[in-house]
C-alpha atoms as a PDB file:
ATOM      1  CA  MET A   1       0.000   0.000   0.000  1.00  0.00           C
ATOM      2  CA  SER A   2       1.331   3.411  -0.821  1.00  0.00           C
ATOM      3  CA  GLU A   3       2.671   5.726   1.833  1.00  0.00           C
ATOM      4  CA  LEU A   4       0.149   8.378   0.811  1.00  0.00           C
ATOM      5  CA  VAL A   5      -2.792   6.121   1.699  1.00  0.00           C
ATOM      6  CA  LEU A   6      -1.140   5.165   4.989  1.00  0.00           C
ATOM      7  CA  ALA A   7      -0.557   8.830   5.830  1.00  0.00           C
ATOM      8  CA  ALA A   8      -4.204   9.603   5.012  1.00  0.00           C
ATOM      9  CA  MET A   9      -5.334   6.829   7.375  1.00  0.00           C
ATOM     10  CA  LEU A  10      -3.128   8.195  10.148  1.00  0.00           C
ATOM     11  CA  VAL A  11      -4.575  11.688   9.671  1.00  0.00           C
ATOM     12  CA  LEU A  12      -8.069  10.167   9.768  1.00  0.00           C
ATOM     13  CA  LEU A  13      -7.160   8.423  13.019  1.00  0.00           C
ATOM     14  CA  VAL A  14      -6.169  11.720  14.615  1.00  0.00           C
ATOM     15  CA  LEU A  15      -9.362  13.392  13.380  1.00  0.00           C
ATOM     16  CA  LEU A  16     -11.556  10.584  14.706  1.00  0.00           C
ATOM     17  CA  ALA A  17      -9.801  10.751  18.086  1.00  0.00           C
ATOM     18  CA  VAL A  18     -10.363  14.520  18.333  1.00  0.00           C
ATOM     19  CA  VAL A  19     -14.012  14.134  17.261  1.00  0.00           C
ATOM     20  CA  ALA A  20     -14.563  11.416  19.878  1.00  0.00           C
ATOM     21  CA  VAL A  21     -13.097  13.591  22.628  1.00  0.00           C
ATOM     22  CA  GLN A  22     -14.942  16.773  21.598  1.00  0.00           C
ATOM     23  CA  MET A  23     -18.415  15.338  20.861  1.00  0.00           C
ATOM     24  CA  ALA A  24     -21.120  16.345  23.325  1.00  0.00           C
ATOM     25  CA  ASP A  25     -23.408  13.623  21.961  1.00  0.00           C
ATOM     26  CA  LEU A  26     -22.111  10.353  23.384  1.00  0.00           C
ATOM     27  CA  LEU A  27     -23.710   8.289  20.618  1.00  0.00           C
ATOM     28  CA  LEU A  28     -21.692  10.155  17.997  1.00  0.00           C
ATOM     29  CA  ALA A  29     -18.579   9.872  20.165  1.00  0.00           C
ATOM     30  CA  THR A  30     -19.117   6.106  20.392  1.00  0.00           C
ATOM     31  CA  LEU A  31     -19.537   5.842  16.631  1.00  0.00           C
ATOM     32  CA  ALA A  32     -16.359   7.914  16.156  1.00  0.00           C
ATOM     33  CA  LEU A  33     -14.470   5.494  18.437  1.00  0.00           C
ATOM     34  CA  GLY A  34     -15.871   2.557  16.468  1.00  0.00           C
ATOM     35  CA  GLY A  35     -14.663   4.222  13.279  1.00  0.00           C
ATOM     36  CA  TYR A  36     -11.301   4.799  14.939  1.00  0.00           C
ATOM     37  CA  GLY A  37     -11.028   1.067  15.691  1.00  0.00           C
ATOM     38  CA  PHE A  38     -11.958   0.194  12.109  1.00  0.00           C
ATOM     39  CA  VAL A  39      -9.436   2.620  10.584  1.00  0.00           C
ATOM     40  CA  MET A  40      -6.818   1.339  13.023  1.00  0.00           C
ATOM     41  CA  ALA A  41      -7.545  -2.214  11.848  1.00  0.00           C
ATOM     42  CA  LEU A  42      -7.107  -1.064   8.235  1.00  0.00           C
ATOM     43  CA  THR A  43      -3.829   0.619   9.194  1.00  0.00           C
ATOM     44  CA  TRP A  44      -2.509  -2.552  10.800  1.00  0.00           C
ATOM     45  CA  ALA A  45      -3.512  -4.513   7.711  1.00  0.00           C
ATOM     46  CA  ALA A  46      -1.790  -1.963   5.486  1.00  0.00           C
ATOM     47  CA  ILE A  47       1.521  -2.399   7.267  1.00  0.00           C
ATOM     48  CA  GLY A  48       1.253  -6.191   7.139  1.00  0.00           C
ATOM     49  CA  ALA A  49       0.209  -7.090  10.680  1.00  0.00           C
ATOM     50  CA  ALA A  50      -2.805  -9.246   9.856  1.00  0.00           C
ATOM     51  CA  ASP A  51      -3.150 -10.791  13.321  1.00  0.00           C
ATOM     52  CA  VAL A  52      -3.140  -7.411  15.058  1.00  0.00           C
ATOM     53  CA  SER A  53      -5.512  -6.091  12.414  1.00  0.00           C
ATOM     54  CA  PHE A  54      -7.998  -8.881  13.042  1.00  0.00           C
ATOM     55  CA  THR A  55      -7.816  -8.379  16.810  1.00  0.00           C
ATOM     56  CA  GLU A  56      -8.280  -4.626  16.465  1.00  0.00           C
ATOM     57  CA  ALA A  57     -11.298  -5.136  14.210  1.00  0.00           C
ATOM     58  CA  VAL A  58     -12.930  -7.557  16.634  1.00  0.00           C
ATOM     59  CA  VAL A  59     -12.126  -5.716  19.849  1.00  0.00           C
ATOM     60  CA  GLY A  60     -11.666  -2.072  18.842  1.00  0.00           C
ATOM     61  CA  ALA A  61     -14.336  -1.711  16.195  1.00  0.00           C
ATOM     62  CA  GLY A  62     -16.668  -4.501  17.266  1.00  0.00           C
ATOM     63  CA  ALA A  63     -16.946  -5.461  20.904  1.00  0.00           C
ATOM     64  CA  THR A  64     -15.987  -2.114  22.424  1.00  0.00           C
ATOM     65  CA  THR A  65     -18.511  -0.262  20.282  1.00  0.00           C
ATOM     66  CA  VAL A  66     -21.258  -2.744  21.154  1.00  0.00           C
ATOM     67  CA  PHE A  67     -20.517  -2.446  24.891  1.00  0.00           C
ATOM     68  CA  MET A  68     -20.513   1.346  24.710  1.00  0.00           C
ATOM     69  CA  LEU A  69     -23.802   1.364  22.812  1.00  0.00           C
ATOM     70  CA  ALA A  70     -25.292  -0.998  25.408  1.00  0.00           C
ATOM     71  CA  ALA A  71     -24.144   1.340  28.167  1.00  0.00           C
ATOM     72  CA  LEU A  72     -25.663   4.305  26.321  1.00  0.00           C
ATOM     73  CA  LEU A  73     -29.034   2.552  26.260  1.00  0.00           C
ATOM     74  CA  ARG A  74     -29.012   2.684  30.057  1.00  0.00           C
ATOM     75  CA  THR A  75     -27.836   6.318  30.342  1.00  0.00           C
ATOM     76  CA  THR A  76     -28.334   9.628  28.562  1.00  0.00           C
ATOM     77  CA  ARG A  77     -26.871  10.557  25.192  1.00  0.00           C
ATOM     78  CA  ARG A  78     -25.615  13.959  26.323  1.00  0.00           C
ATOM     79  CA  ARG A  79     -22.307  14.512  28.054  1.00  0.00           C
ATOM     80  CA  SER A  80     -22.438  16.366  31.350  1.00  0.00           C
ATOM     81  CA  PRO A  81     -21.128  19.945  31.099  1.00  0.00           C
ATOM     82  CA  ALA A  82     -18.638  19.581  33.974  1.00  0.00           C
ATOM     83  CA  PRO A  83     -15.821  17.718  32.175  1.00  0.00           C
ATOM     84  CA  ALA A  84     -16.104  19.825  29.004  1.00  0.00           C
ATOM     85  CA  ARG A  85     -13.358  22.158  30.230  1.00  0.00           C
ATOM     86  CA  LEU A  86     -10.984  19.274  30.800  1.00  0.00           C
ATOM     87  CA  ARG A  87     -11.343  17.575  27.410  1.00  0.00           C
ATOM     88  CA  TRP A  88      -8.536  19.515  25.763  1.00  0.00           C
ATOM     89  CA  VAL A  89      -6.334  19.030  28.813  1.00  0.00           C
ATOM     90  CA  ALA A  90      -6.950  15.267  28.671  1.00  0.00           C
ATOM     91  CA  LEU A  91      -6.178  15.212  24.958  1.00  0.00           C
ATOM     92  CA  GLY A  92      -2.972  17.203  25.546  1.00  0.00           C
ATOM     93  CA  VAL A  93      -1.843  14.887  28.348  1.00  0.00           C
ATOM     94  CA  CYS A  94      -2.441  11.814  26.184  1.00  0.00           C
ATOM     95  CA  ALA A  95      -0.505  13.373  23.313  1.00  0.00           C
ATOM     96  CA  ALA A  96       2.366  14.486  25.557  1.00  0.00           C
ATOM     97  CA  VAL A  97       2.964  11.169  27.311  1.00  0.00           C
ATOM     98  CA  GLU A  98       6.029   9.478  25.867  1.00  0.00           C
ATOM     99  CA  PRO A  99       6.723   5.769  26.150  1.00  0.00           C
ATOM    100  CA  VAL A 100       9.728   4.807  28.254  1.00  0.00           C
ATOM    101  CA  PRO A 101      12.746   4.240  26.017  1.00  0.00           C
ATOM    102  CA  ALA A 102      13.557   0.549  25.694  1.00  0.00           C
ATOM    103  CA  GLN A 103      17.137   0.967  26.861  1.00  0.00           C
ATOM    104  CA  HIS A 104      16.072   2.717  30.060  1.00  0.00           C
ATOM    105  CA  ALA A 105      13.389   0.088  30.762  1.00  0.00           C
ATOM    106  CA  GLU A 106      15.919  -2.729  30.196  1.00  0.00           C
ATOM    107  CA  GLN A 107      18.344  -1.049  32.573  1.00  0.00           C
ATOM    108  CA  ARG A 108      15.650  -0.747  35.257  1.00  0.00           C
ATOM    109  CA  ARG A 109      14.618  -4.394  34.800  1.00  0.00           C
ATOM    110  CA  HIS A 110      18.249  -5.542  35.054  1.00  0.00           C
ATOM    111  CA  THR A 111      18.740  -3.488  38.225  1.00  0.00           C
ATOM    112  CA  ARG A 112      15.674  -5.046  39.845  1.00  0.00           C
ATOM    113  CA  VAL A 113      16.848  -8.563  38.984  1.00  0.00           C
ATOM    114  CA  THR A 114      20.353  -8.086  40.356  1.00  0.00           C
ATOM    115  CA  GLU A 115      19.031  -6.453  43.522  1.00  0.00           C
ATOM    116  CA  SER A 116      16.628  -9.312  44.247  1.00  0.00           C
ATOM    117  CA  ASN A 117      19.244 -11.922  45.234  1.00  0.00           C
ATOM    118  CA  VAL A 118      18.187 -14.482  42.640  1.00  0.00           C
ATOM    119  CA  GLY A 119      20.850 -16.984  43.717  1.00  0.00           C
ATOM    120  CA  HIS A 120      19.299 -17.289  47.168  1.00  0.00           C
ATOM    121  CA  LEU A 121      15.847 -17.860  45.654  1.00  0.00           C
ATOM    122  CA  VAL A 122      17.141 -20.594  43.337  1.00  0.00           C
ATOM    123  CA  ALA A 123      18.918 -22.335  46.201  1.00  0.00           C
ATOM    124  CA  ARG A 124      15.753 -22.151  48.305  1.00  0.00           C
ATOM    125  CA  ALA A 125      13.654 -23.601  45.450  1.00  0.00           C
ATOM    126  CA  ASP A 126      16.135 -26.494  45.087  1.00  0.00           C
ATOM    127  CA  GLN A 127      15.982 -27.123  48.819  1.00  0.00           C
ATOM    128  CA  VAL A 128      12.168 -27.230  48.778  1.00  0.00           C
ATOM    129  CA  ALA A 129      12.202 -29.590  45.772  1.00  0.00           C
ATOM    130  CA  ARG A 130      14.624 -31.947  47.541  1.00  0.00           C
ATOM    131  CA  ARG A 131      12.462 -31.965  50.661  1.00  0.00           C
ATOM    132  CA  SER A 132       9.430 -32.696  48.521  1.00  0.00           C
ATOM    133  CA  ASP A 133      11.242 -35.582  46.816  1.00  0.00           C
ATOM    134  CA  GLN A 134      12.303 -36.968  50.198  1.00  0.00           C
ATOM    135  CA  ARG A 135       8.728 -36.755  51.500  1.00  0.00           C
ATOM    136  CA  GLN A 136       7.419 -38.502  48.400  1.00  0.00           C
ATOM    137  CA  GLN A 137       9.976 -41.287  48.855  1.00  0.00           C
ATOM    138  CA  GLN A 138       9.065 -41.633  52.536  1.00  0.00           C
ATOM    139  CA  ALA A 139       5.370 -41.802  51.641  1.00  0.00           C
ATOM    140  CA  LEU A 140       6.065 -44.465  49.020  1.00  0.00           C
ATOM    141  CA  VAL A 141       8.092 -46.554  51.503  1.00  0.00           C
ATOM    142  CA  ALA A 142       5.341 -46.179  54.126  1.00  0.00           C
ATOM    143  CA  THR A 143       2.707 -47.256  51.595  1.00  0.00           C
ATOM    144  CA  CYS A 144       4.753 -50.336  50.694  1.00  0.00           C
ATOM    145  CA  GLU A 145       5.159 -51.205  54.387  1.00  0.00           C
ATOM    146  CA  VAL A 146       1.397 -50.865  54.961  1.00  0.00           C
ATOM    147  CA  ARG A 147       0.689 -53.123  51.975  1.00  0.00           C
ATOM    148  CA  LYS A 148       3.152 -55.746  53.248  1.00  0.00           C
ATOM    149  CA  ALA A 149       1.555 -55.639  56.667  1.00  0.00           C
ATOM    150  CA  ALA A 150      -1.936 -55.955  55.163  1.00  0.00           C
ATOM    151  CA  ARG A 151      -0.851 -58.949  53.074  1.00  0.00           C
ATOM    152  CA  SER A 152       0.742 -60.674  56.044  1.00  0.00           C
ATOM    153  CA  VAL A 153      -2.418 -60.173  58.096  1.00  0.00           C
ATOM    154  CA  ALA A 154      -4.559 -61.499  55.246  1.00  0.00           C
ATOM    155  CA  VAL A 155      -2.307 -64.564  54.791  1.00  0.00           C
ATOM    156  CA  ASN A 156      -2.009 -65.281  58.550  1.00  0.00           C
ATOM    157  CA  PRO A 157      -5.487 -64.806  60.043  1.00  0.00           C
END
C-alpha cells in the first residue's frame, strides 16, 4: 500500500480521536471510536500485521462499540457539562505522554533482577524440591510397608 494512503489513514485516526473527545453527543462519540477502531484495523492490515488487524477489528471496532452502545441505552446521550473544560487538557496529556525508552526500561529491569538476590531464591527452590522428593519417597516406603503388613495379616489370620 502506498505511503500516501497510509498517511491519510493516520490523519483520519487523529481526526476521529479529536471528534470522539470533543463530541457532546455520546452516541456520535461512540460511533467515532468505532470508526477509529476500524481505521486502526485497516492501518494494521496496510503495514502487514494481519493478526493485530484482526484483533483490532474484533475488539476495537466490534466489541468495544457494542458495549458502549449498550451502556448508552441505560444512560443519557448527552455529556455532562462539567468535564467539558478538561477535554482539551486530557487530549494534551495523552498526546504528551512518551513511552519509556527501551534501553532505560531494560536497565531498570536488570537493576531489579540483580538487587533481588536471585541466587538465594534458586537455592531455596532447590531445597524445597529436595524436601518434597524426600517426602514422596518416605510416603512411598510407608505405603509399601502398609501393603506388606496388610498382606501378612490377610495370609495369617
